[in-house]
Amino acid sequence: LLALTSLPLWREDQQLFIAERASGIYGTSAYVLASMIFDVAPYRLLPPIAFAFISYPLIGLNDANGHQTFFFLVLVACNLALSGLC
């Protein structure tokens, strides 16, 4: 569901970006970098971090070194892949 958070605003953001880029406020790379930082960090990394580090020990999964990190990375990869579908 988090992948659907930006769908209604995409068209408005695109029009705003085109107008601001045309007036020389900022370039494409600055916009893409800022969008990635403020989309990826709060919406693609924080929920999997919270889920992985709270639920992993509660579920009683394997406590060996690296397994919890791998679980977290799989969650992040799935979240990023599914957000790319929209």
PDB file of N, CA and C in Angstrom:
ATOM      1  N   LEU A   1       0.805  -1.201   0.000  1.00  0.00           N
ATOM      2  CA  LEU A   1       0.000   0.000   0.000  1.00  0.00           C
ATOM      3  C   LEU A   1       0.844   1.259   0.000  1.00  0.00           C
ATOM      4  N   LEU A   2       2.043   1.170   0.545  1.00  0.00           N
ATOM      5  CA  LEU A   2       2.885   2.362   0.573  1.00  0.00           C
ATOM      6  C   LEU A   2       3.305   2.798  -0.822  1.00  0.00           C
ATOM      7  N   ALA A   3       3.297   1.869  -1.767  1.00  0.00           N
ATOM      8  CA  ALA A   3       3.672   2.224  -3.131  1.00  0.00           C
ATOM      9  C   ALA A   3       2.618   3.106  -3.779  1.00  0.00           C
ATOM     10  N   LEU A   4       1.419   3.085  -3.277  1.00  0.00           N
ATOM     11  CA  LEU A   4       0.334   3.876  -3.852  1.00  0.00           C
ATOM     12  C   LEU A   4       0.245   5.277  -3.252  1.00  0.00           C
ATOM     13  N   THR A   5       1.119   5.622  -2.328  1.00  0.00           N
ATOM     14  CA  THR A   5       1.019   6.901  -1.631  1.00  0.00           C
ATOM     15  C   THR A   5       1.217   8.094  -2.543  1.00  0.00           C
ATOM     16  N   SER A   6       1.999   7.959  -3.584  1.00  0.00           N
ATOM     17  CA  SER A   6       2.317   9.121  -4.410  1.00  0.00           C
ATOM     18  C   SER A   6       1.541   9.178  -5.719  1.00  0.00           C
ATOM     19  N   LEU A   7       0.675   8.209  -5.998  1.00  0.00           N
ATOM     20  CA  LEU A   7      -0.027   8.202  -7.277  1.00  0.00           C
ATOM     21  C   LEU A   7      -0.888   9.440  -7.530  1.00  0.00           C
ATOM     22  N   PRO A   8      -1.719   9.887  -6.594  1.00  0.00           N
ATOM     23  CA  PRO A   8      -2.560  11.046  -6.892  1.00  0.00           C
ATOM     24  C   PRO A   8      -1.767  12.339  -7.089  1.00  0.00           C
ATOM     25  N   LEU A   9      -0.613  12.418  -6.486  1.00  0.00           N
ATOM     26  CA  LEU A   9       0.168  13.650  -6.549  1.00  0.00           C
ATOM     27  C   LEU A   9       1.158  13.677  -7.704  1.00  0.00           C
ATOM     28  N   TRP A  10       1.316  12.551  -8.394  1.00  0.00           N
ATOM     29  CA  TRP A  10       2.356  12.473  -9.414  1.00  0.00           C
ATOM     30  C   TRP A  10       2.148  13.493 -10.520  1.00  0.00           C
ATOM     31  N   ARG A  11       0.950  13.631 -11.002  1.00  0.00           N
ATOM     32  CA  ARG A  11       0.677  14.559 -12.108  1.00  0.00           C
ATOM     33  C   ARG A  11       0.912  15.999 -11.671  1.00  0.00           C
ATOM     34  N   GLU A  12       0.460  16.340 -10.473  1.00  0.00           N
ATOM     35  CA  GLU A  12       0.679  17.695  -9.950  1.00  0.00           C
ATOM     36  C   GLU A  12       2.171  17.971  -9.766  1.00  0.00           C
ATOM     37  N   ASP A  13       2.901  16.999  -9.237  1.00  0.00           N
ATOM     38  CA  ASP A  13       4.341  17.171  -9.056  1.00  0.00           C
ATOM     39  C   ASP A  13       5.057  17.316 -10.388  1.00  0.00           C
ATOM     40  N   GLN A  14       4.617  16.580 -11.381  1.00  0.00           N
ATOM     41  CA  GLN A  14       5.245  16.669 -12.699  1.00  0.00           C
ATOM     42  C   GLN A  14       5.060  18.066 -13.291  1.00  0.00           C
ATOM     43  N   GLN A  15       3.867  18.605 -13.200  1.00  0.00           N
ATOM     44  CA  GLN A  15       3.612  19.943 -13.737  1.00  0.00           C
ATOM     45  C   GLN A  15       4.406  20.996 -12.977  1.00  0.00           C
ATOM     46  N   LEU A  16       4.483  20.860 -11.654  1.00  0.00           N
ATOM     47  CA  LEU A  16       5.264  21.793 -10.840  1.00  0.00           C
ATOM     48  C   LEU A  16       6.747  21.698 -11.187  1.00  0.00           C
ATOM     49  N   PHE A  17       7.255  20.483 -11.338  1.00  0.00           N
ATOM     50  CA  PHE A  17       8.658  20.299 -11.687  1.00  0.00           C
ATOM     51  C   PHE A  17       8.985  20.917 -13.043  1.00  0.00           C
ATOM     52  N   ILE A  18       8.119  20.707 -14.019  1.00  0.00           N
ATOM     53  CA  ILE A  18       8.368  21.267 -15.358  1.00  0.00           C
ATOM     54  C   ILE A  18       8.407  22.784 -15.301  1.00  0.00           C
ATOM     55  N   ALA A  19       7.490  23.385 -14.563  1.00  0.00           N
ATOM     56  CA  ALA A  19       7.462  24.849 -14.453  1.00  0.00           C
ATOM     57  C   ALA A  19       8.692  25.372 -13.712  1.00  0.00           C
ATOM     58  N   GLU A  20       9.089  24.721 -12.626  1.00  0.00           N
ATOM     59  CA  GLU A  20      10.238  25.172 -11.850  1.00  0.00           C
ATOM     60  C   GLU A  20      11.550  24.937 -12.595  1.00  0.00           C
ATOM     61  N   ARG A  21      11.648  23.842 -13.324  1.00  0.00           N
ATOM     62  CA  ARG A  21      12.857  23.597 -14.109  1.00  0.00           C
ATOM     63  C   ARG A  21      12.969  24.608 -15.240  1.00  0.00           C
ATOM     64  N   ALA A  22      11.849  24.937 -15.863  1.00  0.00           N
ATOM     65  CA  ALA A  22      11.859  25.904 -16.955  1.00  0.00           C
ATOM     66  C   ALA A  22      12.267  27.295 -16.472  1.00  0.00           C
ATOM     67  N   SER A  23      11.917  27.633 -15.236  1.00  0.00           N
ATOM     68  CA  SER A  23      12.290  28.946 -14.715  1.00  0.00           C
ATOM     69  C   SER A  23      13.687  28.950 -14.103  1.00  0.00           C
ATOM     70  N   GLY A  24      14.350  27.803 -14.072  1.00  0.00           N
ATOM     71  CA  GLY A  24      15.734  27.733 -13.610  1.00  0.00           C
ATOM     72  C   GLY A  24      15.898  27.670 -12.104  1.00  0.00           C
ATOM     73  N   ILE A  25      14.874  27.259 -11.381  1.00  0.00           N
ATOM     74  CA  ILE A  25      14.968  27.184  -9.919  1.00  0.00           C
ATOM     75  C   ILE A  25      15.935  26.081  -9.504  1.00  0.00           C
ATOM     76  N   TYR A  26      15.840  24.927 -10.125  1.00  0.00           N
ATOM     77  CA  TYR A  26      16.765  23.825  -9.860  1.00  0.00           C
ATOM     78  C   TYR A  26      16.798  22.915 -11.077  1.00  0.00           C
ATOM     79  N   GLY A  27      17.807  22.054 -11.104  1.00  0.00           N
ATOM     80  CA  GLY A  27      17.968  21.142 -12.225  1.00  0.00           C
ATOM     81  C   GLY A  27      17.307  19.799 -11.973  1.00  0.00           C
ATOM     82  N   THR A  28      17.364  18.973 -12.973  1.00  0.00           N
ATOM     83  CA  THR A  28      16.749  17.653 -12.889  1.00  0.00           C
ATOM     84  C   THR A  28      17.425  16.780 -11.844  1.00  0.00           C
ATOM     85  N   SER A  29      18.745  16.817 -11.788  1.00  0.00           N
ATOM     86  CA  SER A  29      19.459  15.959 -10.844  1.00  0.00           C
ATOM     87  C   SER A  29      19.132  16.326  -9.401  1.00  0.00           C
ATOM     88  N   ALA A  30      19.009  17.608  -9.093  1.00  0.00           N
ATOM     89  CA  ALA A  30      18.651  18.023  -7.735  1.00  0.00           C
ATOM     90  C   ALA A  30      17.251  17.541  -7.370  1.00  0.00           C
ATOM     91  N   TYR A  31      16.333  17.622  -8.305  1.00  0.00           N
ATOM     92  CA  TYR A  31      14.965  17.168  -8.054  1.00  0.00           C
ATOM     93  C   TYR A  31      14.917  15.656  -7.836  1.00  0.00           C
ATOM     94  N   VAL A  32      15.605  14.902  -8.680  1.00  0.00           N
ATOM     95  CA  VAL A  32      15.601  13.445  -8.561  1.00  0.00           C
ATOM     96  C   VAL A  32      16.251  13.021  -7.252  1.00  0.00           C
ATOM     97  N   LEU A  33      17.370  13.636  -6.904  1.00  0.00           N
ATOM     98  CA  LEU A  33      18.062  13.294  -5.666  1.00  0.00           C
ATOM     99  C   LEU A  33      17.196  13.601  -4.446  1.00  0.00           C
ATOM    100  N   ALA A  34      16.590  14.768  -4.411  1.00  0.00           N
ATOM    101  CA  ALA A  34      15.727  15.125  -3.284  1.00  0.00           C
ATOM    102  C   ALA A  34      14.504  14.213  -3.215  1.00  0.00           C
ATOM    103  N   SER A  35      13.942  13.887  -4.353  1.00  0.00           N
ATOM    104  CA  SER A  35      12.777  12.993  -4.360  1.00  0.00           C
ATOM    105  C   SER A  35      13.142  11.603  -3.855  1.00  0.00           C
ATOM    106  N   MET A  36      14.293  11.117  -4.252  1.00  0.00           N
ATOM    107  CA  MET A  36      14.715   9.796  -3.801  1.00  0.00           C
ATOM    108  C   MET A  36      14.994   9.789  -2.303  1.00  0.00           C
ATOM    109  N   ILE A  37      15.670  10.829  -1.813  1.00  0.00           N
ATOM    110  CA  ILE A  37      15.997  10.880  -0.387  1.00  0.00           C
ATOM    111  C   ILE A  37      14.724  10.939   0.447  1.00  0.00           C
ATOM    112  N   PHE A  38      13.804  11.784   0.051  1.00  0.00           N
ATOM    113  CA  PHE A  38      12.611  11.970   0.871  1.00  0.00           C
ATOM    114  C   PHE A  38      11.504  10.969   0.560  1.00  0.00           C
ATOM    115  N   ASP A  39      11.677  10.122  -0.435  1.00  0.00           N
ATOM    116  CA  ASP A  39      10.737   9.026  -0.675  1.00  0.00           C
ATOM    117  C   ASP A  39      11.303   7.725  -0.138  1.00  0.00           C
ATOM    118  N   VAL A  40      12.550   7.461  -0.421  1.00  0.00           N
ATOM    119  CA  VAL A  40      13.147   6.179  -0.036  1.00  0.00           C
ATOM    120  C   VAL A  40      13.317   6.077   1.469  1.00  0.00           C
ATOM    121  N   ALA A  41      13.846   7.116   2.104  1.00  0.00           N
ATOM    122  CA  ALA A  41      14.113   7.021   3.543  1.00  0.00           C
ATOM    123  C   ALA A  41      12.843   6.821   4.376  1.00  0.00           C
ATOM    124  N   PRO A  42      11.878   7.715   4.311  1.00  0.00           N
ATOM    125  CA  PRO A  42      10.737   7.526   5.219  1.00  0.00           C
ATOM    126  C   PRO A  42       9.743   6.462   4.788  1.00  0.00           C
ATOM    127  N   TYR A  43       9.598   6.203   3.500  1.00  0.00           N
ATOM    128  CA  TYR A  43       8.557   5.286   3.048  1.00  0.00           C
ATOM    129  C   TYR A  43       9.061   3.914   2.645  1.00  0.00           C
ATOM    130  N   ARG A  44      10.330   3.777   2.323  1.00  0.00           N
ATOM    131  CA  ARG A  44      10.844   2.496   1.857  1.00  0.00           C
ATOM    132  C   ARG A  44      11.808   1.839   2.834  1.00  0.00           C
ATOM    133  N   LEU A  45      12.428   2.605   3.745  1.00  0.00           N
ATOM    134  CA  LEU A  45      13.377   2.026   4.694  1.00  0.00           C
ATOM    135  C   LEU A  45      12.832   1.936   6.116  1.00  0.00           C
ATOM    136  N   LEU A  46      12.173   2.968   6.593  1.00  0.00           N
ATOM    137  CA  LEU A  46      11.726   2.967   7.985  1.00  0.00           C
ATOM    138  C   LEU A  46      10.678   1.891   8.303  1.00  0.00           C
ATOM    139  N   PRO A  47       9.648   1.679   7.475  1.00  0.00           N
ATOM    140  CA  PRO A  47       8.716   0.597   7.808  1.00  0.00           C
ATOM    141  C   PRO A  47       9.359  -0.795   7.858  1.00  0.00           C
ATOM    142  N   PRO A  48      10.221  -1.165   6.889  1.00  0.00           N
ATOM    143  CA  PRO A  48      10.874  -2.475   7.026  1.00  0.00           C
ATOM    144  C   PRO A  48      11.811  -2.562   8.234  1.00  0.00           C
ATOM    145  N   ILE A  49      12.462  -1.446   8.573  1.00  0.00           N
ATOM    146  CA  ILE A  49      13.325  -1.462   9.768  1.00  0.00           C
ATOM    147  C   ILE A  49      12.490  -1.743  11.005  1.00  0.00           C
ATOM    148  N   ALA A  50      11.398  -1.001  11.139  1.00  0.00           N
ATOM    149  CA  ALA A  50      10.534  -1.197  12.305  1.00  0.00           C
ATOM    150  C   ALA A  50       9.978  -2.619  12.338  1.00  0.00           C
ATOM    151  N   PHE A  51       9.496  -3.095  11.210  1.00  0.00           N
ATOM    152  CA  PHE A  51       8.923  -4.433  11.166  1.00  0.00           C
ATOM    153  C   PHE A  51       9.974  -5.495  11.469  1.00  0.00           C
ATOM    154  N   ALA A  52      11.141  -5.397  10.841  1.00  0.00           N
ATOM    155  CA  ALA A  52      12.169  -6.428  11.001  1.00  0.00           C
ATOM    156  C   ALA A  52      12.703  -6.486  12.421  1.00  0.00           C
ATOM    157  N   PHE A  53      13.014  -5.338  12.990  1.00  0.00           N
ATOM    158  CA  PHE A  53      13.671  -5.361  14.292  1.00  0.00           C
ATOM    159  C   PHE A  53      12.703  -5.489  15.457  1.00  0.00           C
ATOM    160  N   ILE A  54      11.408  -5.349  15.209  1.00  0.00           N
ATOM    161  CA  ILE A  54      10.425  -5.622  16.256  1.00  0.00           C
ATOM    162  C   ILE A  54       9.897  -7.046  16.124  1.00  0.00           C
ATOM    163  N   SER A  55       9.524  -7.440  14.916  1.00  0.00           N
ATOM    164  CA  SER A  55       8.860  -8.733  14.749  1.00  0.00           C
ATOM    165  C   SER A  55       9.825  -9.917  14.700  1.00  0.00           C
ATOM    166  N   TYR A  56      11.031  -9.729  14.206  1.00  0.00           N
ATOM    167  CA  TYR A  56      11.955 -10.856  14.039  1.00  0.00           C
ATOM    168  C   TYR A  56      12.201 -11.596  15.354  1.00  0.00           C
ATOM    169  N   PRO A  57      12.556 -10.894  16.427  1.00  0.00           N
ATOM    170  CA  PRO A  57      12.745 -11.626  17.693  1.00  0.00           C
ATOM    171  C   PRO A  57      11.432 -12.161  18.277  1.00  0.00           C
ATOM    172  N   LEU A  58      10.335 -11.435  18.070  1.00  0.00           N
ATOM    173  CA  LEU A  58       9.057 -11.881  18.617  1.00  0.00           C
ATOM    174  C   LEU A  58       8.559 -13.160  17.942  1.00  0.00           C
ATOM    175  N   ILE A  59       8.833 -13.301  16.650  1.00  0.00           N
ATOM    176  CA  ILE A  59       8.418 -14.492  15.925  1.00  0.00           C
ATOM    177  C   ILE A  59       9.302 -15.681  16.298  1.00  0.00           C
ATOM    178  N   GLY A  60      10.537 -15.400  16.712  1.00  0.00           N
ATOM    179  CA  GLY A  60      11.453 -16.460  17.106  1.00  0.00           C
ATOM    180  C   GLY A  60      12.211 -17.055  15.936  1.00  0.00           C
ATOM    181  N   LEU A  61      12.531 -16.231  14.966  1.00  0.00           N
ATOM    182  CA  LEU A  61      13.273 -16.717  13.803  1.00  0.00           C
ATOM    183  C   LEU A  61      14.735 -16.920  14.167  1.00  0.00           C
ATOM    184  N   ASN A  62      15.533 -17.419  13.246  1.00  0.00           N
ATOM    185  CA  ASN A  62      16.926 -17.773  13.464  1.00  0.00           C
ATOM    186  C   ASN A  62      17.735 -16.573  13.947  1.00  0.00           C
ATOM    187  N   ASP A  63      18.424 -16.742  15.081  1.00  0.00           N
ATOM    188  CA  ASP A  63      19.219 -15.652  15.653  1.00  0.00           C
ATOM    189  C   ASP A  63      20.678 -15.662  15.231  1.00  0.00           C
ATOM    190  N   ALA A  64      21.059 -16.516  14.308  1.00  0.00           N
ATOM    191  CA  ALA A  64      22.456 -16.581  13.872  1.00  0.00           C
ATOM    192  C   ALA A  64      22.863 -15.258  13.221  1.00  0.00           C
ATOM    193  N   ASN A  65      24.165 -15.015  13.196  1.00  0.00           N
ATOM    194  CA  ASN A  65      24.687 -13.756  12.650  1.00  0.00           C
ATOM    195  C   ASN A  65      24.262 -13.550  11.202  1.00  0.00           C
ATOM    196  N   GLY A  66      23.741 -12.376  10.918  1.00  0.00           N
ATOM    197  CA  GLY A  66      23.412 -12.001   9.562  1.00  0.00           C
ATOM    198  C   GLY A  66      22.022 -12.357   9.095  1.00  0.00           C
ATOM    199  N   HIS A  67      21.326 -13.215   9.800  1.00  0.00           N
ATOM    200  CA  HIS A  67      19.999 -13.632   9.346  1.00  0.00           C
ATOM    201  C   HIS A  67      18.974 -12.506   9.473  1.00  0.00           C
ATOM    202  N   GLN A  68      19.052 -11.758  10.559  1.00  0.00           N
ATOM    203  CA  GLN A  68      18.111 -10.654  10.728  1.00  0.00           C
ATOM    204  C   GLN A  68      18.387  -9.557   9.705  1.00  0.00           C
ATOM    205  N   THR A  69      19.646  -9.311   9.417  1.00  0.00           N
ATOM    206  CA  THR A  69      20.005  -8.319   8.404  1.00  0.00           C
ATOM    207  C   THR A  69      19.526  -8.763   7.029  1.00  0.00           C
ATOM    208  N   PHE A  70      19.694 -10.036   6.724  1.00  0.00           N
ATOM    209  CA  PHE A  70      19.212 -10.562   5.449  1.00  0.00           C
ATOM    210  C   PHE A  70      17.697 -10.425   5.343  1.00  0.00           C
ATOM    211  N   PHE A  71      16.989 -10.724   6.437  1.00  0.00           N
ATOM    212  CA  PHE A  71      15.537 -10.571   6.479  1.00  0.00           C
ATOM    213  C   PHE A  71      15.157  -9.118   6.192  1.00  0.00           C
ATOM    214  N   PHE A  72      15.863  -8.184   6.819  1.00  0.00           N
ATOM    215  CA  PHE A  72      15.619  -6.763   6.587  1.00  0.00           C
ATOM    216  C   PHE A  72      15.884  -6.388   5.130  1.00  0.00           C
ATOM    217  N   LEU A  73      16.971  -6.852   4.564  1.00  0.00           N
ATOM    218  CA  LEU A  73      17.305  -6.517   3.178  1.00  0.00           C
ATOM    219  C   LEU A  73      16.277  -7.091   2.193  1.00  0.00           C
ATOM    220  N   VAL A  74      15.762  -8.265   2.481  1.00  0.00           N
ATOM    221  CA  VAL A  74      14.713  -8.839   1.633  1.00  0.00           C
ATOM    222  C   VAL A  74      13.450  -7.981   1.712  1.00  0.00           C
ATOM    223  N   LEU A  75      13.091  -7.535   2.904  1.00  0.00           N
ATOM    224  CA  LEU A  75      11.930  -6.664   3.053  1.00  0.00           C
ATOM    225  C   LEU A  75      12.111  -5.356   2.281  1.00  0.00           C
ATOM    226  N   VAL A  76      13.285  -4.753   2.380  1.00  0.00           N
ATOM    227  CA  VAL A  76      13.555  -3.500   1.667  1.00  0.00           C
ATOM    228  C   VAL A  76      13.517  -3.734   0.156  1.00  0.00           C
ATOM    229  N   ALA A  77      14.127  -4.826  -0.302  1.00  0.00           N
ATOM    230  CA  ALA A  77      14.135  -5.117  -1.739  1.00  0.00           C
ATOM    231  C   ALA A  77      12.720  -5.331  -2.266  1.00  0.00           C
ATOM    232  N   CYS A  78      11.904  -6.040  -1.519  1.00  0.00           N
ATOM    233  CA  CYS A  78      10.504  -6.240  -1.936  1.00  0.00           C
ATOM    234  C   CYS A  78       9.748  -4.915  -1.957  1.00  0.00           C
ATOM    235  N   ASN A  79       9.963  -4.090  -0.948  1.00  0.00           N
ATOM    236  CA  ASN A  79       9.292  -2.799  -0.867  1.00  0.00           C
ATOM    237  C   ASN A  79       9.697  -1.907  -2.051  1.00  0.00           C
ATOM    238  N   LEU A  80      10.982  -1.876  -2.373  1.00  0.00           N
ATOM    239  CA  LEU A  80      11.450  -1.064  -3.492  1.00  0.00           C
ATOM    240  C   LEU A  80      10.936  -1.613  -4.826  1.00  0.00           C
ATOM    241  N   ALA A  81      10.943  -2.919  -4.973  1.00  0.00           N
ATOM    242  CA  ALA A  81      10.475  -3.514  -6.235  1.00  0.00           C
ATOM    243  C   ALA A  81       8.989  -3.257  -6.438  1.00  0.00           C
ATOM    244  N   LEU A  82       8.217  -3.408  -5.403  1.00  0.00           N
ATOM    245  CA  LEU A  82       6.777  -3.192  -5.526  1.00  0.00           C
ATOM    246  C   LEU A  82       6.440  -1.725  -5.698  1.00  0.00           C
ATOM    247  N   SER A  83       7.243  -0.837  -5.145  1.00  0.00           N
ATOM    248  CA  SER A  83       6.982   0.588  -5.349  1.00  0.00           C
ATOM    249  C   SER A  83       7.301   0.990  -6.789  1.00  0.00           C
ATOM    250  N   GLY A  84       8.175   0.258  -7.429  1.00  0.00           N
ATOM    251  CA  GLY A  84       8.504   0.540  -8.825  1.00  0.00           C
ATOM    252  C   GLY A  84       7.410   0.122  -9.807  1.00  0.00           C
ATOM    253  N   LEU A  85       6.501  -0.720  -9.361  1.00  0.00           N
ATOM    254  CA  LEU A  85       5.417  -1.163 -10.227  1.00  0.00           C
ATOM    255  C   LEU A  85       4.372  -0.083 -10.464  1.00  0.00           C
ATOM    256  N   CYS A  86       4.298   0.855  -9.548  1.00  0.00           N
ATOM    257  CA  CYS A  86       3.242   1.880  -9.662  1.00  0.00           C
ATOM    258  C   CYS A  86       3.726   3.094 -10.388  1.00  0.00           C
TER     259      CYS A  86
END
